[in-house]
């Protein structure tokens, strides 16, 4: 009797598994197998969106929500959200379900969406955003770093903004983004903070410039660290210190840059009689 029961259970399990269709959300929508919509959980990053799926078919479904899908805000003033983490959603016959998904703003100049702001499922984003989303799907970086990577592609923000204290873990992501943008990998990084105002507008504030200046100094003496704007005017911190004679040394930069406006700058080292090193950076 027990043997017959287990055989019956096994066959039933196989039958149930056979009825499952596994497909990505794009195909499920196009084939009218699911009804789909989304709404905001009240933020612009992380697990900030709720996706609703209703199975319209007579079979169970396994629906894969793809990284790289761009959720479209129905209110044009709110930001679109790029999904970066794959979600596998199981739906029995005619079942409907809400599922939290991970995504990030991909319209930095729009408003951070309020709670319950409505979105449609839309389609996959352009190839650059899809590539970054698929990379982030395999990672576990902090929200700030992942958001800066998205904005570097979607809003052409500086690649150097993809930065954190654990910088070595982020270098492959920076290389990917620089390659997608067709630009050299920045020699520096900028630690920044993003502030969300009550209105929903956002602003990114640079905090620190980090990097290395390679220099040679043929004699002991005082050197000056300087930062110049595009007009050649000195700005921000100017530091004087004693350095010994050396060849091919790295000067470590960890420079506060709060208050510097968006634009291009030059940072360098000079002695009393010559320039030892100079590089450009952008905020």
C-alpha atoms as a PDB file:
ATOM      1  CA  UNK A   1       0.000   0.000   0.000  1.00  0.00           C
ATOM      2  CA  UNK A   2       2.811   2.400   0.965  1.00  0.00           C
ATOM      3  CA  UNK A   3       4.682   1.545  -2.217  1.00  0.00           C
ATOM      4  CA  UNK A   4       1.592   2.285  -4.334  1.00  0.00           C
ATOM      5  CA  UNK A   5       1.128   5.594  -2.506  1.00  0.00           C
ATOM      6  CA  UNK A   6       4.684   6.739  -3.207  1.00  0.00           C
ATOM      7  CA  UNK A   7       4.477   5.700  -6.866  1.00  0.00           C
ATOM      8  CA  UNK A   8       1.240   7.672  -7.219  1.00  0.00           C
ATOM      9  CA  UNK A   9       2.818  10.691  -5.479  1.00  0.00           C
ATOM     10  CA  UNK A  10       5.869  10.502  -7.758  1.00  0.00           C
ATOM     11  CA  UNK A  11       3.734  10.343 -10.910  1.00  0.00           C
ATOM     12  CA  UNK A  12       1.615  13.251  -9.702  1.00  0.00           C
ATOM     13  CA  UNK A  13       4.766  15.262  -9.056  1.00  0.00           C
ATOM     14  CA  UNK A  14       6.024  14.563 -12.584  1.00  0.00           C
ATOM     15  CA  UNK A  15       2.681  15.588 -14.041  1.00  0.00           C
ATOM     16  CA  UNK A  16       2.657  18.839 -12.077  1.00  0.00           C
ATOM     17  CA  UNK A  17       6.207  19.601 -13.156  1.00  0.00           C
ATOM     18  CA  UNK A  18       5.319  18.932 -16.781  1.00  0.00           C
ATOM     19  CA  UNK A  19       2.531  21.511 -16.584  1.00  0.00           C
ATOM     20  CA  UNK A  20       4.955  24.251 -15.549  1.00  0.00           C
ATOM     21  CA  UNK A  21       5.957  26.588 -18.356  1.00  0.00           C
ATOM     22  CA  UNK A  22       9.240  28.403 -17.683  1.00  0.00           C
ATOM     23  CA  UNK A  23       9.717  31.652 -19.575  1.00  0.00           C
ATOM     24  CA  UNK A  24      10.993  35.168 -19.085  1.00  0.00           C
ATOM     25  CA  UNK A  25       8.637  38.038 -18.333  1.00  0.00           C
ATOM     26  CA  UNK A  26       9.034  39.537 -21.820  1.00  0.00           C
ATOM     27  CA  UNK A  27       7.732  36.373 -23.493  1.00  0.00           C
ATOM     28  CA  UNK A  28       5.029  35.855 -20.874  1.00  0.00           C
ATOM     29  CA  UNK A  29       3.643  39.338 -21.554  1.00  0.00           C
ATOM     30  CA  UNK A  30       3.907  39.054 -25.343  1.00  0.00           C
ATOM     31  CA  UNK A  31       2.109  35.688 -25.283  1.00  0.00           C
ATOM     32  CA  UNK A  32      -0.638  37.112 -23.030  1.00  0.00           C
ATOM     33  CA  UNK A  33       0.074  34.483 -20.403  1.00  0.00           C
ATOM     34  CA  UNK A  34       0.350  37.018 -17.590  1.00  0.00           C
ATOM     35  CA  UNK A  35      -1.042  40.392 -16.630  1.00  0.00           C
ATOM     36  CA  UNK A  36       1.723  42.595 -15.214  1.00  0.00           C
ATOM     37  CA  UNK A  37       2.157  45.973 -13.553  1.00  0.00           C
ATOM     38  CA  UNK A  38       4.433  47.561 -10.966  1.00  0.00           C
ATOM     39  CA  UNK A  39       4.402  50.193  -8.252  1.00  0.00           C
ATOM     40  CA  UNK A  40       6.978  51.956  -6.112  1.00  0.00           C
ATOM     41  CA  UNK A  41       7.725  51.103  -2.513  1.00  0.00           C
ATOM     42  CA  UNK A  42       8.810  54.716  -1.968  1.00  0.00           C
ATOM     43  CA  UNK A  43      12.488  54.768  -2.923  1.00  0.00           C
ATOM     44  CA  UNK A  44      14.748  54.963  -5.976  1.00  0.00           C
ATOM     45  CA  UNK A  45      17.215  52.164  -5.187  1.00  0.00           C
ATOM     46  CA  UNK A  46      17.492  48.667  -3.727  1.00  0.00           C
ATOM     47  CA  UNK A  47      14.351  46.590  -3.266  1.00  0.00           C
ATOM     48  CA  UNK A  48      12.265  49.619  -4.125  1.00  0.00           C
ATOM     49  CA  UNK A  49       9.657  48.202  -6.528  1.00  0.00           C
ATOM     50  CA  UNK A  50       6.745  45.791  -6.268  1.00  0.00           C
ATOM     51  CA  UNK A  51       5.779  43.785  -9.371  1.00  0.00           C
ATOM     52  CA  UNK A  52       2.296  42.307  -9.755  1.00  0.00           C
ATOM     53  CA  UNK A  53       1.808  39.231 -11.939  1.00  0.00           C
ATOM     54  CA  UNK A  54      -1.424  37.388 -12.633  1.00  0.00           C
ATOM     55  CA  UNK A  55      -1.328  34.041 -14.381  1.00  0.00           C
ATOM     56  CA  UNK A  56      -3.893  34.101 -17.209  1.00  0.00           C
ATOM     57  CA  UNK A  57      -3.143  30.587 -18.446  1.00  0.00           C
ATOM     58  CA  UNK A  58      -4.551  27.189 -17.530  1.00  0.00           C
ATOM     59  CA  UNK A  59      -1.104  25.914 -16.507  1.00  0.00           C
ATOM     60  CA  UNK A  60       1.320  26.751 -13.744  1.00  0.00           C
ATOM     61  CA  UNK A  61       4.026  29.206 -14.769  1.00  0.00           C
ATOM     62  CA  UNK A  62       7.590  29.934 -13.760  1.00  0.00           C
ATOM     63  CA  UNK A  63       8.221  33.547 -14.763  1.00  0.00           C
ATOM     64  CA  UNK A  64      11.750  34.992 -14.768  1.00  0.00           C
ATOM     65  CA  UNK A  65      11.963  38.748 -14.218  1.00  0.00           C
ATOM     66  CA  UNK A  66      15.081  39.708 -16.151  1.00  0.00           C
ATOM     67  CA  UNK A  67      17.885  42.016 -14.960  1.00  0.00           C
ATOM     68  CA  UNK A  68      17.960  44.902 -17.419  1.00  0.00           C
ATOM     69  CA  UNK A  69      14.199  45.443 -17.583  1.00  0.00           C
ATOM     70  CA  UNK A  70      13.336  49.148 -17.435  1.00  0.00           C
ATOM     71  CA  UNK A  71      10.141  49.858 -15.496  1.00  0.00           C
ATOM     72  CA  UNK A  72       8.419  52.911 -16.955  1.00  0.00           C
ATOM     73  CA  UNK A  73       6.897  55.494 -14.618  1.00  0.00           C
ATOM     74  CA  UNK A  74       3.349  56.425 -15.615  1.00  0.00           C
ATOM     75  CA  UNK A  75       4.007  59.889 -14.185  1.00  0.00           C
ATOM     76  CA  UNK A  76       6.693  61.460 -16.375  1.00  0.00           C
ATOM     77  CA  UNK A  77       8.160  63.487 -13.529  1.00  0.00           C
ATOM     78  CA  UNK A  78       9.142  60.311 -11.630  1.00  0.00           C
ATOM     79  CA  UNK A  79      12.224  58.234 -12.397  1.00  0.00           C
ATOM     80  CA  UNK A  80      12.218  55.049 -14.437  1.00  0.00           C
ATOM     81  CA  UNK A  81      13.680  52.100 -12.533  1.00  0.00           C
ATOM     82  CA  UNK A  82      16.148  49.550 -13.948  1.00  0.00           C
ATOM     83  CA  UNK A  83      15.829  46.036 -12.493  1.00  0.00           C
ATOM     84  CA  UNK A  84      19.247  44.568 -11.635  1.00  0.00           C
ATOM     85  CA  UNK A  85      18.422  41.316  -9.834  1.00  0.00           C
ATOM     86  CA  UNK A  86      16.793  38.300 -11.462  1.00  0.00           C
ATOM     87  CA  UNK A  87      13.624  37.097  -9.739  1.00  0.00           C
ATOM     88  CA  UNK A  88      12.019  33.708 -10.368  1.00  0.00           C
ATOM     89  CA  UNK A  89       8.274  33.813  -9.645  1.00  0.00           C
ATOM     90  CA  UNK A  90       6.158  30.662  -9.384  1.00  0.00           C
ATOM     91  CA  UNK A  91       2.484  31.058 -10.290  1.00  0.00           C
ATOM     92  CA  UNK A  92      -0.116  28.330 -10.092  1.00  0.00           C
ATOM     93  CA  UNK A  93      -3.119  28.327 -12.423  1.00  0.00           C
ATOM     94  CA  UNK A  94      -4.843  31.770 -12.347  1.00  0.00           C
ATOM     95  CA  UNK A  95      -2.772  32.825  -9.322  1.00  0.00           C
ATOM     96  CA  UNK A  96      -1.794  36.477  -8.811  1.00  0.00           C
ATOM     97  CA  UNK A  97       1.119  37.664  -6.713  1.00  0.00           C
ATOM     98  CA  UNK A  98       3.119  40.757  -5.682  1.00  0.00           C
ATOM     99  CA  UNK A  99       6.934  40.371  -5.556  1.00  0.00           C
ATOM    100  CA  UNK A 100       9.586  42.866  -4.427  1.00  0.00           C
ATOM    101  CA  UNK A 101      12.324  43.451  -6.997  1.00  0.00           C
ATOM    102  CA  UNK A 102      15.684  45.170  -6.817  1.00  0.00           C
ATOM    103  CA  UNK A 103      16.318  48.136  -9.079  1.00  0.00           C
ATOM    104  CA  UNK A 104      17.778  51.616  -9.417  1.00  0.00           C
ATOM    105  CA  UNK A 105      16.856  54.988 -10.811  1.00  0.00           C
ATOM    106  CA  UNK A 106      17.997  55.467 -14.409  1.00  0.00           C
ATOM    107  CA  UNK A 107      16.807  59.093 -14.765  1.00  0.00           C
ATOM    108  CA  UNK A 108      18.820  61.098 -12.240  1.00  0.00           C
ATOM    109  CA  UNK A 109      17.171  64.427 -13.110  1.00  0.00           C
ATOM    110  CA  UNK A 110      13.655  63.171 -12.347  1.00  0.00           C
ATOM    111  CA  UNK A 111      11.967  62.767  -8.959  1.00  0.00           C
ATOM    112  CA  UNK A 112      12.505  59.843  -6.622  1.00  0.00           C
ATOM    113  CA  UNK A 113       9.129  58.059  -6.780  1.00  0.00           C
ATOM    114  CA  UNK A 114       6.720  58.255  -3.833  1.00  0.00           C
ATOM    115  CA  UNK A 115       5.178  55.143  -2.362  1.00  0.00           C
ATOM    116  CA  UNK A 116       2.557  53.489  -4.606  1.00  0.00           C
ATOM    117  CA  UNK A 117       3.630  55.467  -7.700  1.00  0.00           C
ATOM    118  CA  UNK A 118       2.438  53.425 -10.687  1.00  0.00           C
ATOM    119  CA  UNK A 119       4.664  51.818 -13.325  1.00  0.00           C
ATOM    120  CA  UNK A 120       4.177  49.654 -16.360  1.00  0.00           C
ATOM    121  CA  UNK A 121       6.375  46.678 -17.132  1.00  0.00           C
ATOM    122  CA  UNK A 122       7.785  48.226 -20.339  1.00  0.00           C
ATOM    123  CA  UNK A 123      10.637  46.375 -22.108  1.00  0.00           C
ATOM    124  CA  UNK A 124      14.341  45.740 -21.730  1.00  0.00           C
ATOM    125  CA  UNK A 125      16.613  48.803 -21.485  1.00  0.00           C
ATOM    126  CA  UNK A 126      19.312  49.698 -24.006  1.00  0.00           C
ATOM    127  CA  UNK A 127      22.343  47.418 -24.318  1.00  0.00           C
ATOM    128  CA  UNK A 128      24.643  49.406 -21.986  1.00  0.00           C
ATOM    129  CA  UNK A 129      22.184  49.370 -19.096  1.00  0.00           C
ATOM    130  CA  UNK A 130      21.370  45.705 -19.686  1.00  0.00           C
ATOM    131  CA  UNK A 131      25.092  44.842 -19.519  1.00  0.00           C
ATOM    132  CA  UNK A 132      25.517  46.670 -16.202  1.00  0.00           C
ATOM    133  CA  UNK A 133      22.319  45.150 -14.780  1.00  0.00           C
ATOM    134  CA  UNK A 134      23.471  41.635 -15.671  1.00  0.00           C
ATOM    135  CA  UNK A 135      26.824  42.277 -14.010  1.00  0.00           C
ATOM    136  CA  UNK A 136      25.163  43.618 -10.845  1.00  0.00           C
ATOM    137  CA  UNK A 137      22.895  40.568 -10.805  1.00  0.00           C
ATOM    138  CA  UNK A 138      25.999  38.504 -10.031  1.00  0.00           C
ATOM    139  CA  UNK A 139      27.352  40.881  -7.375  1.00  0.00           C
ATOM    140  CA  UNK A 140      26.490  42.005  -3.888  1.00  0.00           C
ATOM    141  CA  UNK A 141      27.755  45.592  -3.763  1.00  0.00           C
ATOM    142  CA  UNK A 142      26.238  48.398  -1.717  1.00  0.00           C
ATOM    143  CA  UNK A 143      23.347  50.462  -3.053  1.00  0.00           C
ATOM    144  CA  UNK A 144      25.389  53.646  -3.517  1.00  0.00           C
ATOM    145  CA  UNK A 145      28.004  51.945  -5.717  1.00  0.00           C
ATOM    146  CA  UNK A 146      25.393  50.153  -7.839  1.00  0.00           C
ATOM    147  CA  UNK A 147      23.399  53.364  -8.277  1.00  0.00           C
ATOM    148  CA  UNK A 148      26.469  55.315  -9.412  1.00  0.00           C
ATOM    149  CA  UNK A 149      27.219  52.589 -11.986  1.00  0.00           C
ATOM    150  CA  UNK A 150      23.697  52.924 -13.418  1.00  0.00           C
ATOM    151  CA  UNK A 151      23.896  56.732 -13.552  1.00  0.00           C
ATOM    152  CA  UNK A 152      27.318  56.581 -15.235  1.00  0.00           C
ATOM    153  CA  UNK A 153      25.544  54.919 -18.189  1.00  0.00           C
ATOM    154  CA  UNK A 154      22.007  56.346 -18.075  1.00  0.00           C
ATOM    155  CA  UNK A 155      22.904  59.964 -17.227  1.00  0.00           C
ATOM    156  CA  UNK A 156      26.555  60.090 -18.320  1.00  0.00           C
ATOM    157  CA  UNK A 157      27.737  60.782 -14.773  1.00  0.00           C
ATOM    158  CA  UNK A 158      31.519  60.409 -14.186  1.00  0.00           C
ATOM    159  CA  UNK A 159      32.705  56.805 -13.998  1.00  0.00           C
ATOM    160  CA  UNK A 160      34.989  57.882 -11.139  1.00  0.00           C
ATOM    161  CA  UNK A 161      31.875  58.257  -8.948  1.00  0.00           C
ATOM    162  CA  UNK A 162      31.683  54.447  -8.761  1.00  0.00           C
ATOM    163  CA  UNK A 163      33.687  54.371  -5.551  1.00  0.00           C
ATOM    164  CA  UNK A 164      33.697  53.098  -2.004  1.00  0.00           C
ATOM    165  CA  UNK A 165      36.119  52.303   0.815  1.00  0.00           C
ATOM    166  CA  UNK A 166      36.399  48.681  -0.422  1.00  0.00           C
ATOM    167  CA  UNK A 167      37.675  49.996  -3.740  1.00  0.00           C
ATOM    168  CA  UNK A 168      39.421  46.837  -4.976  1.00  0.00           C
ATOM    169  CA  UNK A 169      36.074  45.028  -5.152  1.00  0.00           C
ATOM    170  CA  UNK A 170      34.641  47.770  -7.366  1.00  0.00           C
ATOM    171  CA  UNK A 171      37.447  48.049  -9.928  1.00  0.00           C
ATOM    172  CA  UNK A 172      35.989  45.385 -12.308  1.00  0.00           C
ATOM    173  CA  UNK A 173      32.658  47.246 -12.339  1.00  0.00           C
ATOM    174  CA  UNK A 174      34.426  50.539 -13.099  1.00  0.00           C
ATOM    175  CA  UNK A 175      36.329  48.861 -15.948  1.00  0.00           C
ATOM    176  CA  UNK A 176      33.085  47.490 -17.407  1.00  0.00           C
ATOM    177  CA  UNK A 177      31.379  50.894 -17.278  1.00  0.00           C
ATOM    178  CA  UNK A 178      34.385  52.725 -18.777  1.00  0.00           C
ATOM    179  CA  UNK A 179      34.518  50.170 -21.600  1.00  0.00           C
ATOM    180  CA  UNK A 180      30.780  50.545 -22.293  1.00  0.00           C
ATOM    181  CA  UNK A 181      31.226  54.326 -22.454  1.00  0.00           C
ATOM    182  CA  UNK A 182      34.278  54.031 -24.693  1.00  0.00           C
ATOM    183  CA  UNK A 183      36.486  56.023 -22.346  1.00  0.00           C
ATOM    184  CA  UNK A 184      39.783  55.396 -20.508  1.00  0.00           C
ATOM    185  CA  UNK A 185      39.499  54.051 -16.979  1.00  0.00           C
ATOM    186  CA  UNK A 186      39.753  57.103 -14.661  1.00  0.00           C
ATOM    187  CA  UNK A 187      42.981  57.279 -12.668  1.00  0.00           C
ATOM    188  CA  UNK A 188      41.057  58.580  -9.632  1.00  0.00           C
ATOM    189  CA  UNK A 189      37.841  57.943  -7.734  1.00  0.00           C
ATOM    190  CA  UNK A 190      35.412  60.342  -6.088  1.00  0.00           C
ATOM    191  CA  UNK A 191      33.615  59.425  -2.885  1.00  0.00           C
ATOM    192  CA  UNK A 192      30.239  61.156  -2.952  1.00  0.00           C
ATOM    193  CA  UNK A 193      26.878  61.238  -1.190  1.00  0.00           C
ATOM    194  CA  UNK A 194      23.417  61.519  -2.679  1.00  0.00           C
ATOM    195  CA  UNK A 195      20.815  63.600  -0.863  1.00  0.00           C
ATOM    196  CA  UNK A 196      17.110  63.128  -1.579  1.00  0.00           C
ATOM    197  CA  UNK A 197      15.050  66.234  -0.812  1.00  0.00           C
ATOM    198  CA  UNK A 198      11.528  66.057   0.524  1.00  0.00           C
ATOM    199  CA  UNK A 199      10.237  67.041  -2.907  1.00  0.00           C
ATOM    200  CA  UNK A 200      11.860  63.943  -4.428  1.00  0.00           C
ATOM    201  CA  UNK A 201      14.637  65.795  -6.256  1.00  0.00           C
ATOM    202  CA  UNK A 202      18.141  64.467  -5.726  1.00  0.00           C
ATOM    203  CA  UNK A 203      21.624  65.935  -5.654  1.00  0.00           C
ATOM    204  CA  UNK A 204      25.016  64.236  -5.632  1.00  0.00           C
ATOM    205  CA  UNK A 205      27.686  65.866  -3.440  1.00  0.00           C
ATOM    206  CA  UNK A 206      31.402  65.045  -3.948  1.00  0.00           C
ATOM    207  CA  UNK A 207      33.246  64.443  -0.688  1.00  0.00           C
ATOM    208  CA  UNK A 208      36.748  63.078  -1.349  1.00  0.00           C
ATOM    209  CA  UNK A 209      39.162  62.738  -4.269  1.00  0.00           C
ATOM    210  CA  UNK A 210      41.235  59.550  -4.062  1.00  0.00           C
ATOM    211  CA  UNK A 211      44.080  58.405  -6.284  1.00  0.00           C
ATOM    212  CA  UNK A 212      47.848  58.533  -6.779  1.00  0.00           C
ATOM    213  CA  UNK A 213      50.159  61.101  -8.373  1.00  0.00           C
ATOM    214  CA  UNK A 214      53.400  59.642  -9.690  1.00  0.00           C
ATOM    215  CA  UNK A 215      56.294  62.060  -9.241  1.00  0.00           C
ATOM    216  CA  UNK A 216      60.069  62.381  -9.093  1.00  0.00           C
ATOM    217  CA  UNK A 217      61.895  64.930  -6.939  1.00  0.00           C
ATOM    218  CA  UNK A 218      65.622  65.487  -7.520  1.00  0.00           C
ATOM    219  CA  UNK A 219      66.244  67.190  -4.185  1.00  0.00           C
ATOM    220  CA  UNK A 220      64.813  67.465  -0.692  1.00  0.00           C
ATOM    221  CA  UNK A 221      62.468  70.394  -0.230  1.00  0.00           C
ATOM    222  CA  UNK A 222      58.993  71.771   0.249  1.00  0.00           C
ATOM    223  CA  UNK A 223      56.369  70.959  -2.349  1.00  0.00           C
ATOM    224  CA  UNK A 224      52.892  72.355  -2.906  1.00  0.00           C
ATOM    225  CA  UNK A 225      49.820  70.298  -3.733  1.00  0.00           C
ATOM    226  CA  UNK A 226      47.480  72.447  -5.815  1.00  0.00           C
ATOM    227  CA  UNK A 227      44.041  72.201  -7.449  1.00  0.00           C
ATOM    228  CA  UNK A 228      43.121  74.538 -10.313  1.00  0.00           C
ATOM    229  CA  UNK A 229      39.801  75.107 -12.062  1.00  0.00           C
ATOM    230  CA  UNK A 230      39.454  75.311 -15.855  1.00  0.00           C
ATOM    231  CA  UNK A 231      40.511  78.973 -15.788  1.00  0.00           C
ATOM    232  CA  UNK A 232      43.689  78.141 -13.890  1.00  0.00           C
ATOM    233  CA  UNK A 233      42.481  79.613 -10.593  1.00  0.00           C
ATOM    234  CA  UNK A 234      43.487  77.803  -7.373  1.00  0.00           C
ATOM    235  CA  UNK A 235      40.529  76.217  -5.568  1.00  0.00           C
ATOM    236  CA  UNK A 236      39.859  73.921  -2.648  1.00  0.00           C
ATOM    237  CA  UNK A 237      42.765  72.675  -0.525  1.00  0.00           C
ATOM    238  CA  UNK A 238      46.353  73.822  -1.046  1.00  0.00           C
ATOM    239  CA  UNK A 239      48.867  71.800   0.969  1.00  0.00           C
ATOM    240  CA  UNK A 240      52.576  72.421   1.606  1.00  0.00           C
ATOM    241  CA  UNK A 241      54.871  69.734   2.967  1.00  0.00           C
ATOM    242  CA  UNK A 242      58.456  68.506   3.020  1.00  0.00           C
ATOM    243  CA  UNK A 243      59.368  65.673   0.653  1.00  0.00           C
ATOM    244  CA  UNK A 244      62.697  63.907   0.260  1.00  0.00           C
ATOM    245  CA  UNK A 245      64.425  63.406  -3.073  1.00  0.00           C
ATOM    246  CA  UNK A 246      63.034  60.356  -4.873  1.00  0.00           C
ATOM    247  CA  UNK A 247      62.309  58.797  -8.262  1.00  0.00           C
ATOM    248  CA  UNK A 248      58.967  57.360  -9.427  1.00  0.00           C
ATOM    249  CA  UNK A 249      57.165  57.628  -6.100  1.00  0.00           C
ATOM    250  CA  UNK A 250      53.394  57.732  -5.625  1.00  0.00           C
ATOM    251  CA  UNK A 251      51.800  60.572  -3.726  1.00  0.00           C
ATOM    252  CA  UNK A 252      48.588  59.243  -2.161  1.00  0.00           C
ATOM    253  CA  UNK A 253      45.574  61.514  -2.538  1.00  0.00           C
ATOM    254  CA  UNK A 254      42.713  61.579  -0.055  1.00  0.00           C
ATOM    255  CA  UNK A 255      41.608  65.155  -0.580  1.00  0.00           C
ATOM    256  CA  UNK A 256      38.381  66.790   0.659  1.00  0.00           C
ATOM    257  CA  UNK A 257      36.586  68.392  -2.300  1.00  0.00           C
ATOM    258  CA  UNK A 258      33.323  69.433  -0.677  1.00  0.00           C
ATOM    259  CA  UNK A 259      31.819  72.477  -2.340  1.00  0.00           C
ATOM    260  CA  UNK A 260      33.556  72.108  -5.693  1.00  0.00           C
ATOM    261  CA  UNK A 261      31.174  72.766  -8.577  1.00  0.00           C
ATOM    262  CA  UNK A 262      30.627  70.371 -11.467  1.00  0.00           C
ATOM    263  CA  UNK A 263      33.419  70.706 -14.002  1.00  0.00           C
ATOM    264  CA  UNK A 264      37.011  69.831 -14.891  1.00  0.00           C
ATOM    265  CA  UNK A 265      39.990  70.452 -12.610  1.00  0.00           C
ATOM    266  CA  UNK A 266      43.756  69.978 -12.495  1.00  0.00           C
ATOM    267  CA  UNK A 267      45.607  68.622  -9.472  1.00  0.00           C
ATOM    268  CA  UNK A 268      49.388  68.590  -9.199  1.00  0.00           C
ATOM    269  CA  UNK A 269      52.590  68.831  -7.185  1.00  0.00           C
ATOM    270  CA  UNK A 270      55.245  71.518  -7.629  1.00  0.00           C
ATOM    271  CA  UNK A 271      58.485  72.431  -5.942  1.00  0.00           C
ATOM    272  CA  UNK A 272      59.917  75.917  -5.723  1.00  0.00           C
ATOM    273  CA  UNK A 273      61.422  75.638  -9.204  1.00  0.00           C
ATOM    274  CA  UNK A 274      59.473  73.052 -11.210  1.00  0.00           C
ATOM    275  CA  UNK A 275      56.280  71.055 -11.640  1.00  0.00           C
ATOM    276  CA  UNK A 276      56.614  67.471 -10.384  1.00  0.00           C
ATOM    277  CA  UNK A 277      53.255  65.976 -11.405  1.00  0.00           C
ATOM    278  CA  UNK A 278      49.919  67.054 -12.852  1.00  0.00           C
ATOM    279  CA  UNK A 279      46.682  65.272 -13.749  1.00  0.00           C
ATOM    280  CA  UNK A 280      43.119  66.235 -14.641  1.00  0.00           C
ATOM    281  CA  UNK A 281      39.932  65.098 -12.955  1.00  0.00           C
ATOM    282  CA  UNK A 282      36.228  65.815 -13.379  1.00  0.00           C
ATOM    283  CA  UNK A 283      33.308  66.189 -11.007  1.00  0.00           C
END
